[in-house]
Amino acid sequence: MNDMNNTQFAERNAAVSTAPALTILLAAPRGFCAGVDRAVQIVELALQKYGAPVYVRHEIVHNRYVVDSLRQKGAIFVEELDEIPETDAPVVFSAHGVPKSVPENARKRNMFFLDATCPLVSKVHVEAERHHSKGLEIILIGHAGHPEVIGTMGQLPQGAVKLVETVAEAEAYKPEDPAKLAYITQTTLSVDDTQEIVDALRNRFPQIVGPRKDDICYATTNRQAAVKNIAPHCDRMIVVGAPNSSNSKRLVEVAIKAGCPQATLLQTAQDIDWTAFRGMKTLGITAGASAPEVLVNEVIAAFAERFDATVETVSTADEDVVFKLPRELRDRD
């Protein structure tokens, strides 16, 4: 028995010693941002305070692991309020924000709702209303169909906000009055791509009014900067995130533009196609703003099983942003 154990131990050591060397550059900051952390806390605290079920309109954040974890604790996810029966249970609106019609309908049904909209998205909503009150035509730079875009456009009457997705659309845009024009942006866009669209609009309409501070959120900006920093040094990059996560998909695009030959979006370690990672010496790993750190650790562990891996954290910024919880959940006594 001891001989067999010694043999197995030797085989394991031999496997480790012959495994190809791999340097993993771990981007920082990565993963959860303050808005996502707040949204998840709102659902968890609502479950603790009021008990299950807690209804959540749309995925609270775009991550299957997070949604499934909350579902197991008693959250029920729906796409529209009419899917919710008459109930006294809390209803939570997702971090992406909702059109004004949603809380209006909730009030008509006497629903108890908690708004988990990221405060930085709410800031864009306020900007849109301010521009509209001044009689300005509003351009929203963003991606059609994204919940944040639907929510932002839904702050104003239909047609008051026009969506522009590309430089070509910006160059072809025909305002009613070029002297009365403003723009806002989705918070999770590519910083560089958005700047190109803004530049195109400013070149055509020098009087266009923009936000006092960039609408793209600090977390999106920081995570893209971190990827730009390590991408030129990586043979491959992995972005841990969901396929419907805008900020995660942008990180893949940023990595490729910054010089990484191949970047891949993965939800979990189980999704790794190992044939795509042969022959590499340096792997970059980051995570979208709605991806929990546990998923990053699982990806690292999966590579450590197959490579003689060394992990180096490369930090480009420190984040200490915290957003307040709704009053109903702060006053828990």
C-alpha atoms as a PDB file:
ATOM      1  CA  MET A   1       0.000   0.000   0.000  1.00  0.00           C
ATOM      2  CA  ASN A   2       2.828   2.384   0.945  1.00  0.00           C
ATOM      3  CA  ASP A   3       4.683   1.516  -2.279  1.00  0.00           C
ATOM      4  CA  MET A   4       1.573   2.354  -4.270  1.00  0.00           C
ATOM      5  CA  ASN A   5       1.186   5.686  -2.488  1.00  0.00           C
ATOM      6  CA  ASN A   6       4.836   6.513  -3.101  1.00  0.00           C
ATOM      7  CA  THR A   7       4.408   5.661  -6.785  1.00  0.00           C
ATOM      8  CA  GLN A   8       1.333   7.876  -7.093  1.00  0.00           C
ATOM      9  CA  PHE A   9       3.150  10.686  -5.309  1.00  0.00           C
ATOM     10  CA  ALA A  10       6.108  10.386  -7.674  1.00  0.00           C
ATOM     11  CA  GLU A  11       3.795  10.387 -10.687  1.00  0.00           C
ATOM     12  CA  ARG A  12       2.108  13.523  -9.447  1.00  0.00           C
ATOM     13  CA  ASN A  13       5.430  15.251  -8.913  1.00  0.00           C
ATOM     14  CA  ALA A  14       6.561  14.225 -12.378  1.00  0.00           C
ATOM     15  CA  ALA A  15       3.356  15.595 -13.872  1.00  0.00           C
ATOM     16  CA  VAL A  16       3.886  18.931 -12.136  1.00  0.00           C
ATOM     17  CA  SER A  17       7.530  19.147 -13.159  1.00  0.00           C
ATOM     18  CA  THR A  18       6.699  18.472 -16.820  1.00  0.00           C
ATOM     19  CA  ALA A  19       3.724  20.836 -16.969  1.00  0.00           C
ATOM     20  CA  PRO A  20       4.355  23.839 -19.224  1.00  0.00           C
ATOM     21  CA  ALA A  21       5.193  27.067 -17.418  1.00  0.00           C
ATOM     22  CA  LEU A  22       2.512  29.744 -17.472  1.00  0.00           C
ATOM     23  CA  THR A  23       2.479  33.290 -16.147  1.00  0.00           C
ATOM     24  CA  ILE A  24      -1.009  34.540 -15.308  1.00  0.00           C
ATOM     25  CA  LEU A  25      -1.368  38.317 -15.255  1.00  0.00           C
ATOM     26  CA  LEU A  26      -4.395  39.089 -13.097  1.00  0.00           C
ATOM     27  CA  ALA A  27      -5.866  42.498 -13.854  1.00  0.00           C
ATOM     28  CA  ALA A  28      -6.877  44.769 -11.005  1.00  0.00           C
ATOM     29  CA  PRO A  29      -9.349  46.224 -10.546  1.00  0.00           C
ATOM     30  CA  ARG A  30     -11.738  43.575 -11.882  1.00  0.00           C
ATOM     31  CA  GLY A  31     -15.091  42.033 -11.000  1.00  0.00           C
ATOM     32  CA  PHE A  32     -17.827  43.497  -8.804  1.00  0.00           C
ATOM     33  CA  CYS A  33     -18.289  47.266  -8.863  1.00  0.00           C
ATOM     34  CA  ALA A  34     -20.069  49.285  -6.175  1.00  0.00           C
ATOM     35  CA  GLY A  35     -23.343  49.361  -8.139  1.00  0.00           C
ATOM     36  CA  VAL A  36     -23.424  45.580  -8.576  1.00  0.00           C
ATOM     37  CA  ASP A  37     -22.432  44.998  -4.956  1.00  0.00           C
ATOM     38  CA  ARG A  38     -25.251  47.291  -3.806  1.00  0.00           C
ATOM     39  CA  ALA A  39     -27.830  45.594  -6.051  1.00  0.00           C
ATOM     40  CA  VAL A  40     -26.943  42.094  -4.839  1.00  0.00           C
ATOM     41  CA  GLN A  41     -26.990  43.309  -1.227  1.00  0.00           C
ATOM     42  CA  ILE A  42     -30.464  44.762  -1.721  1.00  0.00           C
ATOM     43  CA  VAL A  43     -31.868  41.371  -2.747  1.00  0.00           C
ATOM     44  CA  GLU A  44     -30.003  39.501  -0.003  1.00  0.00           C
ATOM     45  CA  LEU A  45     -31.023  41.973   2.731  1.00  0.00           C
ATOM     46  CA  ALA A  46     -34.632  41.986   1.514  1.00  0.00           C
ATOM     47  CA  LEU A  47     -34.675  38.198   1.808  1.00  0.00           C
ATOM     48  CA  GLN A  48     -33.234  38.430   5.322  1.00  0.00           C
ATOM     49  CA  LYS A  49     -35.617  41.140   6.483  1.00  0.00           C
ATOM     50  CA  TYR A  50     -38.863  40.161   4.751  1.00  0.00           C
ATOM     51  CA  GLY A  51     -38.317  36.484   3.982  1.00  0.00           C
ATOM     52  CA  ALA A  52     -38.878  34.644   0.717  1.00  0.00           C
ATOM     53  CA  PRO A  53     -40.065  35.238  -1.852  1.00  0.00           C
ATOM     54  CA  VAL A  54     -38.521  38.462  -3.077  1.00  0.00           C
ATOM     55  CA  TYR A  55     -39.422  39.233  -6.680  1.00  0.00           C
ATOM     56  CA  VAL A  56     -36.784  40.725  -8.965  1.00  0.00           C
ATOM     57  CA  ARG A  57     -37.669  42.377 -12.261  1.00  0.00           C
ATOM     58  CA  HIS A  58     -35.062  41.299 -14.803  1.00  0.00           C
ATOM     59  CA  GLU A  59     -31.719  39.765 -13.795  1.00  0.00           C
ATOM     60  CA  ILE A  60     -30.500  41.856 -10.870  1.00  0.00           C
ATOM     61  CA  VAL A  61     -27.116  41.919 -12.627  1.00  0.00           C
ATOM     62  CA  HIS A  62     -25.989  40.117 -15.762  1.00  0.00           C
ATOM     63  CA  ASN A  63     -24.378  37.051 -14.253  1.00  0.00           C
ATOM     64  CA  ARG A  64     -25.875  33.553 -14.181  1.00  0.00           C
ATOM     65  CA  TYR A  65     -23.938  32.492 -11.065  1.00  0.00           C
ATOM     66  CA  VAL A  66     -25.213  35.484  -9.084  1.00  0.00           C
ATOM     67  CA  VAL A  67     -28.787  35.050 -10.308  1.00  0.00           C
ATOM     68  CA  ASP A  68     -28.814  31.312  -9.558  1.00  0.00           C
ATOM     69  CA  SER A  69     -27.370  31.921  -6.078  1.00  0.00           C
ATOM     70  CA  LEU A  70     -30.105  34.431  -5.264  1.00  0.00           C
ATOM     71  CA  ARG A  71     -32.752  32.151  -6.733  1.00  0.00           C
ATOM     72  CA  GLN A  72     -31.641  29.393  -4.362  1.00  0.00           C
ATOM     73  CA  LYS A  73     -32.095  31.806  -1.448  1.00  0.00           C
ATOM     74  CA  GLY A  74     -35.688  32.588  -2.457  1.00  0.00           C
ATOM     75  CA  ALA A  75     -35.549  35.283  -5.145  1.00  0.00           C
ATOM     76  CA  ILE A  76     -38.001  34.907  -8.019  1.00  0.00           C
ATOM     77  CA  PHE A  77     -36.925  36.546 -11.279  1.00  0.00           C
ATOM     78  CA  VAL A  78     -39.462  37.914 -13.747  1.00  0.00           C
ATOM     79  CA  GLU A  79     -39.202  40.062 -16.851  1.00  0.00           C
ATOM     80  CA  GLU A  80     -42.340  42.149 -16.276  1.00  0.00           C
ATOM     81  CA  LEU A  81     -44.470  43.136 -13.297  1.00  0.00           C
ATOM     82  CA  ASP A  82     -47.562  41.438 -14.714  1.00  0.00           C
ATOM     83  CA  GLU A  83     -45.853  38.094 -14.039  1.00  0.00           C
ATOM     84  CA  ILE A  84     -46.041  38.832 -10.301  1.00  0.00           C
ATOM     85  CA  PRO A  85     -49.244  37.795  -8.482  1.00  0.00           C
ATOM     86  CA  GLU A  86     -50.958  40.035  -5.940  1.00  0.00           C
ATOM     87  CA  THR A  87     -48.478  40.030  -3.082  1.00  0.00           C
ATOM     88  CA  ASP A  88     -47.027  41.942  -0.152  1.00  0.00           C
ATOM     89  CA  ALA A  89     -43.575  40.588  -0.995  1.00  0.00           C
ATOM     90  CA  PRO A  90     -40.878  43.082  -2.005  1.00  0.00           C
ATOM     91  CA  VAL A  91     -40.212  43.703  -5.682  1.00  0.00           C
ATOM     92  CA  VAL A  92     -36.670  44.739  -6.652  1.00  0.00           C
ATOM     93  CA  PHE A  93     -35.779  46.642  -9.828  1.00  0.00           C
ATOM     94  CA  SER A  94     -32.444  45.626 -11.354  1.00  0.00           C
ATOM     95  CA  ALA A  95     -29.181  47.579 -11.305  1.00  0.00           C
ATOM     96  CA  HIS A  96     -29.631  48.554 -14.967  1.00  0.00           C
ATOM     97  CA  GLY A  97     -32.526  50.906 -14.255  1.00  0.00           C
ATOM     98  CA  VAL A  98     -36.112  50.848 -15.491  1.00  0.00           C
ATOM     99  CA  PRO A  99     -38.413  53.106 -17.519  1.00  0.00           C
ATOM    100  CA  LYS A 100     -40.566  55.440 -15.431  1.00  0.00           C
ATOM    101  CA  SER A 101     -43.608  53.376 -16.377  1.00  0.00           C
ATOM    102  CA  VAL A 102     -42.375  50.486 -14.222  1.00  0.00           C
ATOM    103  CA  PRO A 103     -42.510  52.186 -10.777  1.00  0.00           C
ATOM    104  CA  GLU A 104     -45.719  53.925 -11.885  1.00  0.00           C
ATOM    105  CA  ASN A 105     -47.331  50.540 -12.569  1.00  0.00           C
ATOM    106  CA  ALA A 106     -45.949  49.174  -9.298  1.00  0.00           C
ATOM    107  CA  ARG A 107     -47.588  52.040  -7.388  1.00  0.00           C
ATOM    108  CA  LYS A 108     -50.913  51.422  -9.144  1.00  0.00           C
ATOM    109  CA  ARG A 109     -50.778  47.849  -7.876  1.00  0.00           C
ATOM    110  CA  ASN A 110     -49.720  48.987  -4.386  1.00  0.00           C
ATOM    111  CA  MET A 111     -46.514  46.986  -4.667  1.00  0.00           C
ATOM    112  CA  PHE A 112     -43.723  47.410  -2.175  1.00  0.00           C
ATOM    113  CA  PHE A 113     -40.683  47.952  -4.378  1.00  0.00           C
ATOM    114  CA  LEU A 114     -36.986  48.550  -3.839  1.00  0.00           C
ATOM    115  CA  ASP A 115     -35.000  50.265  -6.572  1.00  0.00           C
ATOM    116  CA  ALA A 116     -31.537  48.731  -7.083  1.00  0.00           C
ATOM    117  CA  THR A 117     -30.689  51.006 -10.013  1.00  0.00           C
ATOM    118  CA  CYS A 118     -26.994  51.882  -9.918  1.00  0.00           C
ATOM    119  CA  PRO A 119     -26.638  55.505  -8.755  1.00  0.00           C
ATOM    120  CA  LEU A 120     -24.390  56.210 -11.750  1.00  0.00           C
ATOM    121  CA  VAL A 121     -27.194  55.100 -14.076  1.00  0.00           C
ATOM    122  CA  SER A 122     -29.613  57.265 -12.103  1.00  0.00           C
ATOM    123  CA  LYS A 123     -27.237  60.183 -12.721  1.00  0.00           C
ATOM    124  CA  VAL A 124     -27.691  59.694 -16.474  1.00  0.00           C
ATOM    125  CA  HIS A 125     -31.470  59.645 -15.968  1.00  0.00           C
ATOM    126  CA  VAL A 126     -31.270  62.992 -14.179  1.00  0.00           C
ATOM    127  CA  GLU A 127     -29.118  64.430 -16.982  1.00  0.00           C
ATOM    128  CA  ALA A 128     -31.686  63.340 -19.572  1.00  0.00           C
ATOM    129  CA  GLU A 129     -34.498  65.019 -17.667  1.00  0.00           C
ATOM    130  CA  ARG A 130     -32.460  68.207 -17.223  1.00  0.00           C
ATOM    131  CA  HIS A 131     -31.675  68.425 -20.938  1.00  0.00           C
ATOM    132  CA  HIS A 132     -35.303  67.753 -21.809  1.00  0.00           C
ATOM    133  CA  SER A 133     -36.519  70.478 -19.447  1.00  0.00           C
ATOM    134  CA  LYS A 134     -34.278  72.934 -21.326  1.00  0.00           C
ATOM    135  CA  GLY A 135     -35.829  71.985 -24.649  1.00  0.00           C
ATOM    136  CA  LEU A 136     -32.768  70.113 -25.929  1.00  0.00           C
ATOM    137  CA  GLU A 137     -32.924  67.198 -28.337  1.00  0.00           C
ATOM    138  CA  ILE A 138     -31.153  64.258 -26.675  1.00  0.00           C
ATOM    139  CA  ILE A 139     -28.851  61.700 -28.260  1.00  0.00           C
ATOM    140  CA  LEU A 140     -28.131  58.579 -26.233  1.00  0.00           C
ATOM    141  CA  ILE A 141     -24.936  56.764 -27.187  1.00  0.00           C
ATOM    142  CA  GLY A 142     -25.527  53.106 -26.387  1.00  0.00           C
ATOM    143  CA  HIS A 143     -26.554  49.648 -27.549  1.00  0.00           C
ATOM    144  CA  ALA A 144     -30.123  49.002 -28.701  1.00  0.00           C
ATOM    145  CA  GLY A 145     -32.057  46.565 -26.547  1.00  0.00           C
ATOM    146  CA  HIS A 146     -29.774  46.754 -23.515  1.00  0.00           C
ATOM    147  CA  PRO A 147     -31.833  47.123 -20.305  1.00  0.00           C
ATOM    148  CA  GLU A 148     -29.934  50.257 -19.302  1.00  0.00           C
ATOM    149  CA  VAL A 149     -30.705  51.893 -22.653  1.00  0.00           C
ATOM    150  CA  ILE A 150     -34.373  50.902 -22.406  1.00  0.00           C
ATOM    151  CA  GLY A 151     -34.510  52.347 -18.894  1.00  0.00           C
ATOM    152  CA  THR A 152     -32.793  55.603 -19.835  1.00  0.00           C
ATOM    153  CA  MET A 153     -34.935  56.193 -22.917  1.00  0.00           C
ATOM    154  CA  GLY A 154     -37.973  55.405 -20.783  1.00  0.00           C
ATOM    155  CA  GLN A 155     -37.346  58.365 -18.492  1.00  0.00           C
ATOM    156  CA  LEU A 156     -38.825  60.712 -21.098  1.00  0.00           C
ATOM    157  CA  PRO A 157     -41.748  60.679 -23.530  1.00  0.00           C
ATOM    158  CA  GLN A 158     -41.366  58.383 -26.515  1.00  0.00           C
ATOM    159  CA  GLY A 159     -39.186  59.948 -29.203  1.00  0.00           C
ATOM    160  CA  ALA A 160     -37.508  62.447 -26.879  1.00  0.00           C
ATOM    161  CA  VAL A 161     -34.282  60.410 -26.812  1.00  0.00           C
ATOM    162  CA  LYS A 162     -32.621  59.226 -30.032  1.00  0.00           C
ATOM    163  CA  LEU A 163     -30.216  56.302 -29.962  1.00  0.00           C
ATOM    164  CA  VAL A 164     -26.848  56.432 -31.742  1.00  0.00           C
ATOM    165  CA  GLU A 165     -24.706  53.281 -31.725  1.00  0.00           C
ATOM    166  CA  THR A 166     -21.835  53.978 -34.145  1.00  0.00           C
ATOM    167  CA  VAL A 167     -19.631  56.690 -35.610  1.00  0.00           C
ATOM    168  CA  ALA A 168     -21.435  56.225 -38.938  1.00  0.00           C
ATOM    169  CA  GLU A 169     -24.783  56.909 -37.281  1.00  0.00           C
ATOM    170  CA  ALA A 170     -23.333  59.982 -35.570  1.00  0.00           C
ATOM    171  CA  GLU A 171     -22.067  61.298 -38.900  1.00  0.00           C
ATOM    172  CA  ALA A 172     -25.464  60.725 -40.527  1.00  0.00           C
ATOM    173  CA  TYR A 173     -27.569  62.106 -37.663  1.00  0.00           C
ATOM    174  CA  LYS A 174     -30.000  64.878 -38.593  1.00  0.00           C
ATOM    175  CA  PRO A 175     -31.177  66.941 -35.612  1.00  0.00           C
ATOM    176  CA  GLU A 176     -34.228  69.152 -35.692  1.00  0.00           C
ATOM    177  CA  ASP A 177     -32.101  72.085 -34.484  1.00  0.00           C
ATOM    178  CA  PRO A 178     -28.283  71.707 -34.325  1.00  0.00           C
ATOM    179  CA  ALA A 179     -28.177  74.539 -31.791  1.00  0.00           C
ATOM    180  CA  LYS A 180     -30.394  72.618 -29.337  1.00  0.00           C
ATOM    181  CA  LEU A 181     -28.671  69.287 -28.971  1.00  0.00           C
ATOM    182  CA  ALA A 182     -27.300  67.249 -26.043  1.00  0.00           C
ATOM    183  CA  TYR A 183     -25.835  63.785 -25.608  1.00  0.00           C
ATOM    184  CA  ILE A 184     -25.684  61.226 -22.818  1.00  0.00           C
ATOM    185  CA  THR A 185     -24.189  57.733 -22.819  1.00  0.00           C
ATOM    186  CA  GLN A 186     -24.740  54.245 -21.515  1.00  0.00           C
ATOM    187  CA  THR A 187     -22.440  53.681 -18.526  1.00  0.00           C
ATOM    188  CA  THR A 188     -20.854  50.402 -19.696  1.00  0.00           C
ATOM    189  CA  LEU A 189     -19.467  51.281 -23.124  1.00  0.00           C
ATOM    190  CA  SER A 190     -15.957  51.110 -24.518  1.00  0.00           C
ATOM    191  CA  VAL A 191     -14.254  54.336 -23.464  1.00  0.00           C
ATOM    192  CA  ASP A 192     -12.340  54.656 -26.755  1.00  0.00           C
ATOM    193  CA  ASP A 193     -15.238  53.742 -29.051  1.00  0.00           C
ATOM    194  CA  THR A 194     -17.530  56.162 -27.243  1.00  0.00           C
ATOM    195  CA  GLN A 195     -14.984  58.959 -27.537  1.00  0.00           C
ATOM    196  CA  GLU A 196     -14.890  58.433 -31.303  1.00  0.00           C
ATOM    197  CA  ILE A 197     -18.669  58.836 -31.463  1.00  0.00           C
ATOM    198  CA  VAL A 198     -18.556  61.913 -29.222  1.00  0.00           C
ATOM    199  CA  ASP A 199     -15.814  63.430 -31.381  1.00  0.00           C
ATOM    200  CA  ALA A 200     -17.905  62.835 -34.505  1.00  0.00           C
ATOM    201  CA  LEU A 201     -20.882  64.579 -32.903  1.00  0.00           C
ATOM    202  CA  ARG A 202     -18.787  67.507 -31.643  1.00  0.00           C
ATOM    203  CA  ASN A 203     -17.164  67.980 -35.054  1.00  0.00           C
ATOM    204  CA  ARG A 204     -20.576  68.264 -36.659  1.00  0.00           C
ATOM    205  CA  PHE A 205     -22.362  70.073 -33.846  1.00  0.00           C
ATOM    206  CA  PRO A 206     -19.877  72.237 -31.899  1.00  0.00           C
ATOM    207  CA  GLN A 207     -22.656  73.540 -29.617  1.00  0.00           C
ATOM    208  CA  ILE A 208     -23.762  70.088 -28.470  1.00  0.00           C
ATOM    209  CA  VAL A 209     -24.082  69.829 -24.678  1.00  0.00           C
ATOM    210  CA  GLY A 210     -22.419  66.885 -22.951  1.00  0.00           C
ATOM    211  CA  PRO A 211     -22.315  65.614 -19.377  1.00  0.00           C
ATOM    212  CA  ARG A 212     -20.325  67.592 -16.810  1.00  0.00           C
ATOM    213  CA  LYS A 213     -18.446  64.384 -16.131  1.00  0.00           C
ATOM    214  CA  ASP A 214     -18.129  61.349 -18.391  1.00  0.00           C
ATOM    215  CA  ASP A 215     -21.215  59.121 -18.137  1.00  0.00           C
ATOM    216  CA  ILE A 216     -19.166  55.934 -18.518  1.00  0.00           C
ATOM    217  CA  CYS A 217     -18.845  54.714 -14.948  1.00  0.00           C
ATOM    218  CA  TYR A 218     -15.599  54.640 -12.988  1.00  0.00           C
ATOM    219  CA  ALA A 219     -15.636  50.820 -12.821  1.00  0.00           C
ATOM    220  CA  THR A 220     -15.980  50.379 -16.579  1.00  0.00           C
ATOM    221  CA  THR A 221     -13.192  52.910 -17.153  1.00  0.00           C
ATOM    222  CA  ASN A 222     -10.881  51.319 -14.566  1.00  0.00           C
ATOM    223  CA  ARG A 223     -11.403  47.773 -15.810  1.00  0.00           C
ATOM    224  CA  GLN A 224     -10.728  48.775 -19.402  1.00  0.00           C
ATOM    225  CA  ALA A 225      -7.566  50.616 -18.346  1.00  0.00           C
ATOM    226  CA  ALA A 226      -6.354  47.547 -16.468  1.00  0.00           C
ATOM    227  CA  VAL A 227      -6.924  45.361 -19.539  1.00  0.00           C
ATOM    228  CA  LYS A 228      -5.082  47.827 -21.785  1.00  0.00           C
ATOM    229  CA  ASN A 229      -2.151  47.647 -19.399  1.00  0.00           C
ATOM    230  CA  ILE A 230      -1.684  43.870 -19.536  1.00  0.00           C
ATOM    231  CA  ALA A 231      -3.096  42.937 -22.968  1.00  0.00           C
ATOM    232  CA  PRO A 232       0.097  43.701 -24.964  1.00  0.00           C
ATOM    233  CA  HIS A 233       2.017  41.272 -22.740  1.00  0.00           C
ATOM    234  CA  CYS A 234      -0.444  38.356 -23.057  1.00  0.00           C
ATOM    235  CA  ASP A 235      -0.662  35.516 -25.573  1.00  0.00           C
ATOM    236  CA  ARG A 236      -4.305  35.003 -24.578  1.00  0.00           C
ATOM    237  CA  MET A 237      -6.822  36.782 -22.358  1.00  0.00           C
ATOM    238  CA  ILE A 238      -9.890  35.559 -20.524  1.00  0.00           C
ATOM    239  CA  VAL A 239     -12.697  37.862 -19.454  1.00  0.00           C
ATOM    240  CA  VAL A 240     -14.900  36.188 -16.860  1.00  0.00           C
ATOM    241  CA  GLY A 241     -18.426  37.426 -17.454  1.00  0.00           C
ATOM    242  CA  ALA A 242     -21.804  36.765 -19.008  1.00  0.00           C
ATOM    243  CA  PRO A 243     -22.534  36.955 -22.748  1.00  0.00           C
ATOM    244  CA  ASN A 244     -25.298  39.503 -22.084  1.00  0.00           C
ATOM    245  CA  SER A 245     -23.015  41.712 -19.977  1.00  0.00           C
ATOM    246  CA  SER A 246     -22.163  44.859 -21.931  1.00  0.00           C
ATOM    247  CA  ASN A 247     -19.119  45.803 -19.864  1.00  0.00           C
ATOM    248  CA  SER A 248     -17.724  42.250 -20.120  1.00  0.00           C
ATOM    249  CA  LYS A 249     -18.042  42.158 -23.902  1.00  0.00           C
ATOM    250  CA  ARG A 250     -16.328  45.528 -24.118  1.00  0.00           C
ATOM    251  CA  LEU A 251     -13.374  44.141 -22.139  1.00  0.00           C
ATOM    252  CA  VAL A 252     -12.879  41.453 -24.789  1.00  0.00           C
ATOM    253  CA  GLU A 253     -12.876  44.107 -27.516  1.00  0.00           C
ATOM    254  CA  VAL A 254     -10.488  46.338 -25.561  1.00  0.00           C
ATOM    255  CA  ALA A 255      -8.055  43.453 -25.008  1.00  0.00           C
ATOM    256  CA  ILE A 256      -7.846  42.675 -28.721  1.00  0.00           C
ATOM    257  CA  LYS A 257      -7.476  46.335 -29.699  1.00  0.00           C
ATOM    258  CA  ALA A 258      -4.735  46.736 -27.088  1.00  0.00           C
ATOM    259  CA  GLY A 259      -2.638  44.006 -28.677  1.00  0.00           C
ATOM    260  CA  CYS A 260      -3.670  40.633 -27.266  1.00  0.00           C
ATOM    261  CA  PRO A 261      -3.900  38.106 -30.164  1.00  0.00           C
ATOM    262  CA  GLN A 262      -6.908  36.313 -28.690  1.00  0.00           C
ATOM    263  CA  ALA A 263      -9.429  37.248 -25.998  1.00  0.00           C
ATOM    264  CA  THR A 264     -12.308  35.085 -24.847  1.00  0.00           C
ATOM    265  CA  LEU A 265     -15.441  35.698 -22.774  1.00  0.00           C
ATOM    266  CA  LEU A 266     -16.188  32.825 -20.383  1.00  0.00           C
ATOM    267  CA  GLN A 267     -18.936  32.428 -17.811  1.00  0.00           C
ATOM    268  CA  THR A 268     -17.221  29.709 -15.748  1.00  0.00           C
ATOM    269  CA  ALA A 269     -14.132  27.480 -15.726  1.00  0.00           C
ATOM    270  CA  GLN A 270     -16.282  24.702 -17.185  1.00  0.00           C
ATOM    271  CA  ASP A 271     -16.542  26.711 -20.407  1.00  0.00           C
ATOM    272  CA  ILE A 272     -12.790  26.660 -21.113  1.00  0.00           C
ATOM    273  CA  ASP A 273     -11.882  25.202 -24.509  1.00  0.00           C
ATOM    274  CA  TRP A 274      -8.417  23.887 -23.697  1.00  0.00           C
ATOM    275  CA  THR A 275      -7.437  23.533 -27.348  1.00  0.00           C
ATOM    276  CA  ALA A 276      -7.458  27.347 -27.594  1.00  0.00           C
ATOM    277  CA  PHE A 277      -4.808  27.715 -24.893  1.00  0.00           C
ATOM    278  CA  ARG A 278      -2.040  25.481 -26.182  1.00  0.00           C
ATOM    279  CA  GLY A 279       1.476  26.843 -26.557  1.00  0.00           C
ATOM    280  CA  MET A 280       0.942  30.062 -24.620  1.00  0.00           C
ATOM    281  CA  LYS A 281       3.350  31.441 -22.044  1.00  0.00           C
ATOM    282  CA  THR A 282       1.362  34.373 -20.636  1.00  0.00           C
ATOM    283  CA  LEU A 283      -2.371  34.474 -19.899  1.00  0.00           C
ATOM    284  CA  GLY A 284      -4.280  37.580 -18.854  1.00  0.00           C
ATOM    285  CA  ILE A 285      -7.395  37.243 -16.701  1.00  0.00           C
ATOM    286  CA  THR A 286      -9.954  39.862 -15.743  1.00  0.00           C
ATOM    287  CA  ALA A 287     -13.657  39.922 -14.932  1.00  0.00           C
ATOM    288  CA  GLY A 288     -16.629  42.052 -15.852  1.00  0.00           C
ATOM    289  CA  ALA A 289     -18.229  44.271 -13.225  1.00  0.00           C
ATOM    290  CA  SER A 290     -20.989  41.737 -12.499  1.00  0.00           C
ATOM    291  CA  ALA A 291     -18.741  38.662 -12.162  1.00  0.00           C
ATOM    292  CA  PRO A 292     -17.962  37.487  -8.599  1.00  0.00           C
ATOM    293  CA  GLU A 293     -14.384  36.726  -7.588  1.00  0.00           C
ATOM    294  CA  VAL A 294     -15.184  33.062  -6.923  1.00  0.00           C
ATOM    295  CA  LEU A 295     -15.518  32.521 -10.687  1.00  0.00           C
ATOM    296  CA  VAL A 296     -12.120  34.116 -11.303  1.00  0.00           C
ATOM    297  CA  ASN A 297     -10.540  31.869  -8.688  1.00  0.00           C
ATOM    298  CA  GLU A 298     -12.055  28.785 -10.315  1.00  0.00           C
ATOM    299  CA  VAL A 299     -10.546  29.753 -13.686  1.00  0.00           C
ATOM    300  CA  ILE A 300      -7.129  30.263 -12.103  1.00  0.00           C
ATOM    301  CA  ALA A 301      -7.409  26.901 -10.332  1.00  0.00           C
ATOM    302  CA  ALA A 302      -8.307  25.171 -13.607  1.00  0.00           C
ATOM    303  CA  PHE A 303      -5.157  26.500 -15.277  1.00  0.00           C
ATOM    304  CA  ALA A 304      -3.049  25.637 -12.228  1.00  0.00           C
ATOM    305  CA  GLU A 305      -4.074  21.996 -12.649  1.00  0.00           C
ATOM    306  CA  ARG A 306      -2.703  21.895 -16.196  1.00  0.00           C
ATOM    307  CA  PHE A 307       0.192  24.351 -16.067  1.00  0.00           C
ATOM    308  CA  ASP A 308       3.041  25.236 -13.762  1.00  0.00           C
ATOM    309  CA  ALA A 309       1.317  28.543 -13.119  1.00  0.00           C
ATOM    310  CA  THR A 310       2.601  31.722 -11.499  1.00  0.00           C
ATOM    311  CA  VAL A 311       0.020  34.413 -10.740  1.00  0.00           C
ATOM    312  CA  GLU A 312       0.983  38.093 -10.823  1.00  0.00           C
ATOM    313  CA  THR A 313      -1.580  40.757  -9.902  1.00  0.00           C
ATOM    314  CA  VAL A 314      -1.166  43.921 -11.970  1.00  0.00           C
ATOM    315  CA  SER A 315      -2.991  46.862 -10.391  1.00  0.00           C
ATOM    316  CA  THR A 316      -3.712  50.154 -12.154  1.00  0.00           C
ATOM    317  CA  ALA A 317      -6.187  51.741  -9.724  1.00  0.00           C
ATOM    318  CA  ASP A 318      -7.631  51.445  -6.219  1.00  0.00           C
ATOM    319  CA  GLU A 319     -11.391  51.525  -5.766  1.00  0.00           C
ATOM    320  CA  ASP A 320     -13.136  52.513  -2.539  1.00  0.00           C
ATOM    321  CA  VAL A 321     -16.550  53.555  -3.869  1.00  0.00           C
ATOM    322  CA  VAL A 322     -19.556  52.500  -1.775  1.00  0.00           C
ATOM    323  CA  PHE A 323     -23.190  53.377  -2.508  1.00  0.00           C
ATOM    324  CA  LYS A 324     -25.843  53.711   0.189  1.00  0.00           C
ATOM    325  CA  LEU A 325     -28.554  51.084   0.489  1.00  0.00           C
ATOM    326  CA  PRO A 326     -32.255  52.053   0.315  1.00  0.00           C
ATOM    327  CA  ARG A 327     -33.558  53.503   3.563  1.00  0.00           C
ATOM    328  CA  GLU A 328     -35.892  50.526   4.092  1.00  0.00           C
ATOM    329  CA  LEU A 329     -32.901  48.203   4.331  1.00  0.00           C
ATOM    330  CA  ARG A 330     -30.652  50.521   6.332  1.00  0.00           C
ATOM    331  CA  ASP A 331     -33.260  50.839   9.103  1.00  0.00           C
ATOM    332  CA  ARG A 332     -33.429  47.165   9.951  1.00  0.00           C
ATOM    333  CA  ASP A 333     -34.270  47.436  13.641  1.00  0.00           C
END
